[in-house]
């Protein structure tokens, strides 16, 4: 017994919809990861700026790198 002609088309349409939903979800996750990374860098920079006392050479390099990354 053969399937109706529209069954394959409906199945393909459903698969395409799932694929589009997955791509949309993946794009949202990538944007979220980028925002979280930026926020983490900002928090780290803030902790270095607020720190009392002199910063070590390594901390100064990190601070300068974070400033450069956030302004780029």
PDB file of N, CA and C in Angstrom:
ATOM      1  N   UNK A   1       0.847  -1.168   0.000  1.00  0.00           N
ATOM      2  CA  UNK A   1       0.000   0.000   0.000  1.00  0.00           C
ATOM      3  C   UNK A   1       0.897   1.239   0.000  1.00  0.00           C
ATOM      4  N   UNK A   2       0.706   2.099  -0.923  1.00  0.00           N
ATOM      5  CA  UNK A   2       1.522   3.297  -1.077  1.00  0.00           C
ATOM      6  C   UNK A   2       0.970   4.431  -0.221  1.00  0.00           C
ATOM      7  N   UNK A   3       1.870   5.302   0.178  1.00  0.00           N
ATOM      8  CA  UNK A   3       1.447   6.476   0.947  1.00  0.00           C
ATOM      9  C   UNK A   3       0.747   7.466   0.034  1.00  0.00           C
ATOM     10  N   UNK A   4       0.017   8.315   0.660  1.00  0.00           N
ATOM     11  CA  UNK A   4      -0.589   9.405  -0.091  1.00  0.00           C
ATOM     12  C   UNK A   4       0.509  10.350  -0.553  1.00  0.00           C
ATOM     13  N   UNK A   5       0.255  11.065  -1.615  1.00  0.00           N
ATOM     14  CA  UNK A   5       1.280  11.920  -2.203  1.00  0.00           C
ATOM     15  C   UNK A   5       1.729  13.029  -1.251  1.00  0.00           C
ATOM     16  N   UNK A   6       0.866  13.546  -0.439  1.00  0.00           N
ATOM     17  CA  UNK A   6       1.192  14.664   0.445  1.00  0.00           C
ATOM     18  C   UNK A   6       1.930  14.273   1.713  1.00  0.00           C
ATOM     19  N   UNK A   7       2.037  12.990   2.011  1.00  0.00           N
ATOM     20  CA  UNK A   7       2.664  12.541   3.253  1.00  0.00           C
ATOM     21  C   UNK A   7       4.147  12.889   3.271  1.00  0.00           C
ATOM     22  N   UNK A   8       4.837  12.619   2.178  1.00  0.00           N
ATOM     23  CA  UNK A   8       6.265  12.927   2.122  1.00  0.00           C
ATOM     24  C   UNK A   8       6.500  14.429   2.203  1.00  0.00           C
ATOM     25  N   UNK A   9       5.651  15.187   1.531  1.00  0.00           N
ATOM     26  CA  UNK A   9       5.788  16.641   1.565  1.00  0.00           C
ATOM     27  C   UNK A   9       5.561  17.167   2.977  1.00  0.00           C
ATOM     28  N   UNK A  10       4.581  16.623   3.677  1.00  0.00           N
ATOM     29  CA  UNK A  10       4.299  17.052   5.048  1.00  0.00           C
ATOM     30  C   UNK A  10       5.457  16.686   5.971  1.00  0.00           C
ATOM     31  N   UNK A  11       6.015  15.493   5.765  1.00  0.00           N
ATOM     32  CA  UNK A  11       7.145  15.056   6.589  1.00  0.00           C
ATOM     33  C   UNK A  11       8.352  15.958   6.357  1.00  0.00           C
ATOM     34  N   UNK A  12       8.626  16.283   5.108  1.00  0.00           N
ATOM     35  CA  UNK A  12       9.746  17.158   4.773  1.00  0.00           C
ATOM     36  C   UNK A  12       9.541  18.545   5.366  1.00  0.00           C
ATOM     37  N   UNK A  13       8.318  19.045   5.294  1.00  0.00           N
ATOM     38  CA  UNK A  13       8.010  20.370   5.842  1.00  0.00           C
ATOM     39  C   UNK A  13       8.233  20.385   7.357  1.00  0.00           C
ATOM     40  N   UNK A  14       7.821  19.324   8.042  1.00  0.00           N
ATOM     41  CA  UNK A  14       8.012  19.232   9.492  1.00  0.00           C
ATOM     42  C   UNK A  14       9.494  19.175   9.840  1.00  0.00           C
ATOM     43  N   UNK A  15      10.270  18.423   9.058  1.00  0.00           N
ATOM     44  CA  UNK A  15      11.710  18.333   9.308  1.00  0.00           C
ATOM     45  C   UNK A  15      12.389  19.678   9.089  1.00  0.00           C
ATOM     46  N   UNK A  16      11.972  20.406   8.070  1.00  0.00           N
ATOM     47  CA  UNK A  16      12.540  21.730   7.807  1.00  0.00           C
ATOM     48  C   UNK A  16      12.206  22.694   8.940  1.00  0.00           C
ATOM     49  N   UNK A  17      10.989  22.588   9.464  1.00  0.00           N
ATOM     50  CA  UNK A  17      10.583  23.451  10.576  1.00  0.00           C
ATOM     51  C   UNK A  17      11.449  23.172  11.809  1.00  0.00           C
ATOM     52  N   UNK A  18      11.688  21.892  12.094  1.00  0.00           N
ATOM     53  CA  UNK A  18      12.535  21.523  13.227  1.00  0.00           C
ATOM     54  C   UNK A  18      13.954  22.050  13.042  1.00  0.00           C
ATOM     55  N   UNK A  19      14.450  21.951  11.824  1.00  0.00           N
ATOM     56  CA  UNK A  19      15.800  22.430  11.530  1.00  0.00           C
ATOM     57  C   UNK A  19      15.890  23.941  11.743  1.00  0.00           C
ATOM     58  N   UNK A  20      14.886  24.681  11.292  1.00  0.00           N
ATOM     59  CA  UNK A  20      14.874  26.137  11.458  1.00  0.00           C
ATOM     60  C   UNK A  20      14.797  26.512  12.941  1.00  0.00           C
ATOM     61  N   UNK A  21      13.987  25.774  13.703  1.00  0.00           N
ATOM     62  CA  UNK A  21      13.880  26.035  15.136  1.00  0.00           C
ATOM     63  C   UNK A  21      15.218  25.787  15.824  1.00  0.00           C
ATOM     64  N   UNK A  22      15.897  24.719  15.437  1.00  0.00           N
ATOM     65  CA  UNK A  22      17.197  24.410  16.023  1.00  0.00           C
ATOM     66  C   UNK A  22      18.209  25.496  15.692  1.00  0.00           C
ATOM     67  N   UNK A  23      18.227  25.953  14.436  1.00  0.00           N
ATOM     68  CA  UNK A  23      19.153  27.010  14.040  1.00  0.00           C
ATOM     69  C   UNK A  23      18.865  28.289  14.811  1.00  0.00           C
ATOM     70  N   UNK A  24      17.594  28.609  14.980  1.00  0.00           N
ATOM     71  CA  UNK A  24      17.214  29.801  15.735  1.00  0.00           C
ATOM     72  C   UNK A  24      17.673  29.675  17.186  1.00  0.00           C
ATOM     73  N   UNK A  25      17.436  28.513  17.770  1.00  0.00           N
ATOM     74  CA  UNK A  25      17.865  28.258  19.143  1.00  0.00           C
ATOM     75  C   UNK A  25      19.375  28.380  19.263  1.00  0.00           C
ATOM     76  N   UNK A  26      20.113  27.833  18.294  1.00  0.00           N
ATOM     77  CA  UNK A  26      21.572  27.869  18.325  1.00  0.00           C
ATOM     78  C   UNK A  26      22.080  29.300  18.234  1.00  0.00           C
ATOM     79  N   UNK A  27      21.471  30.125  17.381  1.00  0.00           N
ATOM     80  CA  UNK A  27      21.881  31.523  17.252  1.00  0.00           C
ATOM     81  C   UNK A  27      21.653  32.273  18.557  1.00  0.00           C
ATOM     82  N   UNK A  28      20.541  32.006  19.212  1.00  0.00           N
ATOM     83  CA  UNK A  28      20.253  32.649  20.499  1.00  0.00           C
ATOM     84  C   UNK A  28      21.288  32.230  21.538  1.00  0.00           C
ATOM     85  N   UNK A  29      21.653  30.953  21.561  1.00  0.00           N
ATOM     86  CA  UNK A  29      22.656  30.465  22.515  1.00  0.00           C
ATOM     87  C   UNK A  29      24.015  31.118  22.278  1.00  0.00           C
ATOM     88  N   UNK A  30      24.383  31.300  21.006  1.00  0.00           N
ATOM     89  CA  UNK A  30      25.659  31.933  20.691  1.00  0.00           C
ATOM     90  C   UNK A  30      25.667  33.388  21.153  1.00  0.00           C
ATOM     91  N   UNK A  31      24.586  34.104  20.924  1.00  0.00           N
ATOM     92  CA  UNK A  31      24.498  35.497  21.366  1.00  0.00           C
ATOM     93  C   UNK A  31      24.555  35.573  22.885  1.00  0.00           C
ATOM     94  N   UNK A  32      23.862  34.652  23.552  1.00  0.00           N
ATOM     95  CA  UNK A  32      23.862  34.612  25.007  1.00  0.00           C
ATOM     96  C   UNK A  32      25.270  34.352  25.543  1.00  0.00           C
ATOM     97  N   UNK A  33      25.988  33.429  24.929  1.00  0.00           N
ATOM     98  CA  UNK A  33      27.359  33.125  25.344  1.00  0.00           C
ATOM     99  C   UNK A  33      28.258  34.345  25.165  1.00  0.00           C
ATOM    100  N   UNK A  34      28.100  35.049  24.045  1.00  0.00           N
ATOM    101  CA  UNK A  34      28.901  36.245  23.785  1.00  0.00           C
ATOM    102  C   UNK A  34      28.627  37.311  24.842  1.00  0.00           C
ATOM    103  N   UNK A  35      27.356  37.513  25.171  1.00  0.00           N
ATOM    104  CA  UNK A  35      27.005  38.505  26.186  1.00  0.00           C
ATOM    105  C   UNK A  35      27.549  38.117  27.562  1.00  0.00           C
ATOM    106  N   UNK A  36      27.467  36.836  27.899  1.00  0.00           N
ATOM    107  CA  UNK A  36      27.987  36.382  29.193  1.00  0.00           C
ATOM    108  C   UNK A  36      29.498  36.571  29.272  1.00  0.00           C
ATOM    109  N   UNK A  37      30.192  36.290  28.186  1.00  0.00           N
ATOM    110  CA  UNK A  37      31.643  36.464  28.149  1.00  0.00           C
ATOM    111  C   UNK A  37      32.006  37.925  28.353  1.00  0.00           C
ATOM    112  N   UNK A  38      31.297  38.807  27.671  1.00  0.00           N
ATOM    113  CA  UNK A  38      31.547  40.243  27.812  1.00  0.00           C
ATOM    114  C   UNK A  38      31.272  40.697  29.241  1.00  0.00           C
ATOM    115  N   UNK A  39      30.189  40.216  29.820  1.00  0.00           N
ATOM    116  CA  UNK A  39      29.846  40.584  31.190  1.00  0.00           C
ATOM    117  C   UNK A  39      30.905  40.091  32.174  1.00  0.00           C
ATOM    118  N   UNK A  40      31.414  38.888  31.969  1.00  0.00           N
ATOM    119  CA  UNK A  40      32.479  38.361  32.831  1.00  0.00           C
ATOM    120  C   UNK A  40      33.734  39.231  32.745  1.00  0.00           C
ATOM    121  N   UNK A  41      34.082  39.655  31.533  1.00  0.00           N
ATOM    122  CA  UNK A  41      35.250  40.524  31.352  1.00  0.00           C
ATOM    123  C   UNK A  41      35.037  41.860  32.052  1.00  0.00           C
ATOM    124  N   UNK A  42      33.826  42.403  31.958  1.00  0.00           N
ATOM    125  CA  UNK A  42      33.534  43.676  32.609  1.00  0.00           C
ATOM    126  C   UNK A  42      33.639  43.548  34.125  1.00  0.00           C
ATOM    127  N   UNK A  43      33.137  42.444  34.674  1.00  0.00           N
ATOM    128  CA  UNK A  43      33.219  42.232  36.119  1.00  0.00           C
ATOM    129  C   UNK A  43      34.669  42.108  36.575  1.00  0.00           C
ATOM    130  N   UNK A  44      35.475  41.388  35.796  1.00  0.00           N
ATOM    131  CA  UNK A  44      36.889  41.227  36.134  1.00  0.00           C
ATOM    132  C   UNK A  44      37.603  42.573  36.079  1.00  0.00           C
ATOM    133  N   UNK A  45      37.326  43.351  35.048  1.00  0.00           N
ATOM    134  CA  UNK A  45      37.932  44.673  34.924  1.00  0.00           C
ATOM    135  C   UNK A  45      37.508  45.564  36.086  1.00  0.00           C
ATOM    136  N   UNK A  46      36.240  45.512  36.443  1.00  0.00           N
ATOM    137  CA  UNK A  46      35.755  46.315  37.563  1.00  0.00           C
ATOM    138  C   UNK A  46      36.474  45.941  38.856  1.00  0.00           C
ATOM    139  N   UNK A  47      36.693  44.650  39.072  1.00  0.00           N
ATOM    140  CA  UNK A  47      37.384  44.228  40.293  1.00  0.00           C
ATOM    141  C   UNK A  47      38.832  44.714  40.297  1.00  0.00           C
ATOM    142  N   UNK A  48      39.461  44.793  39.124  1.00  0.00           N
ATOM    143  CA  UNK A  48      40.834  45.302  39.055  1.00  0.00           C
ATOM    144  C   UNK A  48      40.876  46.811  39.264  1.00  0.00           C
ATOM    145  N   UNK A  49      39.881  47.516  38.755  1.00  0.00           N
ATOM    146  CA  UNK A  49      39.852  48.973  38.893  1.00  0.00           C
ATOM    147  C   UNK A  49      39.585  49.367  40.345  1.00  0.00           C
ATOM    148  N   UNK A  50      38.711  48.628  41.013  1.00  0.00           N
ATOM    149  CA  UNK A  50      38.320  48.957  42.383  1.00  0.00           C
ATOM    150  C   UNK A  50      39.372  48.529  43.404  1.00  0.00           C
ATOM    151  N   UNK A  51      40.246  47.624  43.027  1.00  0.00           N
ATOM    152  CA  UNK A  51      41.230  47.061  43.949  1.00  0.00           C
ATOM    153  C   UNK A  51      42.113  48.161  44.554  1.00  0.00           C
ATOM    154  N   UNK A  52      42.226  48.114  45.871  1.00  0.00           N
ATOM    155  CA  UNK A  52      43.072  49.076  46.575  1.00  0.00           C
ATOM    156  C   UNK A  52      44.527  48.632  46.496  1.00  0.00           C
ATOM    157  N   UNK A  53      45.411  49.573  46.534  1.00  0.00           N
ATOM    158  CA  UNK A  53      46.829  49.257  46.482  1.00  0.00           C
ATOM    159  C   UNK A  53      47.309  49.155  45.055  1.00  0.00           C
ATOM    160  N   UNK A  54      48.598  48.959  44.929  1.00  0.00           N
ATOM    161  CA  UNK A  54      49.203  48.883  43.602  1.00  0.00           C
ATOM    162  C   UNK A  54      48.905  47.521  42.969  1.00  0.00           C
ATOM    163  N   UNK A  55      48.703  47.552  41.680  1.00  0.00           N
ATOM    164  CA  UNK A  55      48.479  46.311  40.943  1.00  0.00           C
ATOM    165  C   UNK A  55      49.824  45.723  40.532  1.00  0.00           C
ATOM    166  N   UNK A  56      49.887  44.414  40.524  1.00  0.00           N
ATOM    167  CA  UNK A  56      51.111  43.766  40.060  1.00  0.00           C
ATOM    168  C   UNK A  56      51.219  43.949  38.547  1.00  0.00           C
ATOM    169  N   UNK A  57      52.380  43.618  38.018  1.00  0.00           N
ATOM    170  CA  UNK A  57      52.597  43.772  36.577  1.00  0.00           C
ATOM    171  C   UNK A  57      51.613  42.907  35.785  1.00  0.00           C
ATOM    172  N   UNK A  58      51.374  41.698  36.264  1.00  0.00           N
ATOM    173  CA  UNK A  58      50.438  40.792  35.598  1.00  0.00           C
ATOM    174  C   UNK A  58      49.015  41.358  35.622  1.00  0.00           C
ATOM    175  N   UNK A  59      48.621  41.916  36.768  1.00  0.00           N
ATOM    176  CA  UNK A  59      47.291  42.512  36.872  1.00  0.00           C
ATOM    177  C   UNK A  59      47.151  43.723  35.955  1.00  0.00           C
ATOM    178  N   UNK A  60      48.206  44.514  35.837  1.00  0.00           N
ATOM    179  CA  UNK A  60      48.166  45.674  34.934  1.00  0.00           C
ATOM    180  C   UNK A  60      48.029  45.222  33.481  1.00  0.00           C
ATOM    181  N   UNK A  61      48.762  44.174  33.106  1.00  0.00           N
ATOM    182  CA  UNK A  61      48.655  43.654  31.743  1.00  0.00           C
ATOM    183  C   UNK A  61      47.245  43.133  31.471  1.00  0.00           C
ATOM    184  N   UNK A  62      46.692  42.422  32.447  1.00  0.00           N
ATOM    185  CA  UNK A  62      45.333  41.909  32.305  1.00  0.00           C
ATOM    186  C   UNK A  62      44.334  43.055  32.181  1.00  0.00           C
ATOM    187  N   UNK A  63      44.498  44.069  33.013  1.00  0.00           N
ATOM    188  CA  UNK A  63      43.614  45.236  32.973  1.00  0.00           C
ATOM    189  C   UNK A  63      43.683  45.904  31.603  1.00  0.00           C
ATOM    190  N   UNK A  64      44.877  46.113  31.085  1.00  0.00           N
ATOM    191  CA  UNK A  64      45.031  46.751  29.775  1.00  0.00           C
ATOM    192  C   UNK A  64      44.433  45.891  28.660  1.00  0.00           C
ATOM    193  N   UNK A  65      44.619  44.579  28.760  1.00  0.00           N
ATOM    194  CA  UNK A  65      44.058  43.675  27.745  1.00  0.00           C
ATOM    195  C   UNK A  65      42.534  43.706  27.785  1.00  0.00           C
ATOM    196  N   UNK A  66      41.957  43.700  28.977  1.00  0.00           N
ATOM    197  CA  UNK A  66      40.501  43.743  29.103  1.00  0.00           C
ATOM    198  C   UNK A  66      39.937  45.048  28.548  1.00  0.00           C
ATOM    199  N   UNK A  67      40.601  46.147  28.841  1.00  0.00           N
ATOM    200  CA  UNK A  67      40.154  47.438  28.310  1.00  0.00           C
ATOM    201  C   UNK A  67      40.198  47.419  26.791  1.00  0.00           C
ATOM    202  N   UNK A  68      41.287  46.903  26.244  1.00  0.00           N
ATOM    203  CA  UNK A  68      41.418  46.823  24.782  1.00  0.00           C
ATOM    204  C   UNK A  68      40.324  45.945  24.180  1.00  0.00           C
ATOM    205  N   UNK A  69      40.070  44.792  24.797  1.00  0.00           N
ATOM    206  CA  UNK A  69      39.047  43.874  24.284  1.00  0.00           C
ATOM    207  C   UNK A  69      37.652  44.491  24.338  1.00  0.00           C
ATOM    208  N   UNK A  70      37.349  45.171  25.429  1.00  0.00           N
ATOM    209  CA  UNK A  70      36.009  45.734  25.584  1.00  0.00           C
ATOM    210  C   UNK A  70      35.778  46.940  24.687  1.00  0.00           C
ATOM    211  N   UNK A  71      36.833  47.658  24.358  1.00  0.00           N
ATOM    212  CA  UNK A  71      36.679  48.822  23.485  1.00  0.00           C
ATOM    213  C   UNK A  71      36.739  48.451  22.007  1.00  0.00           C
ATOM    214  N   UNK A  72      37.192  47.257  21.705  1.00  0.00           N
ATOM    215  CA  UNK A  72      37.305  46.829  20.293  1.00  0.00           C
ATOM    216  C   UNK A  72      35.982  46.387  19.724  1.00  0.00           C
TER     217      UNK A  72
END
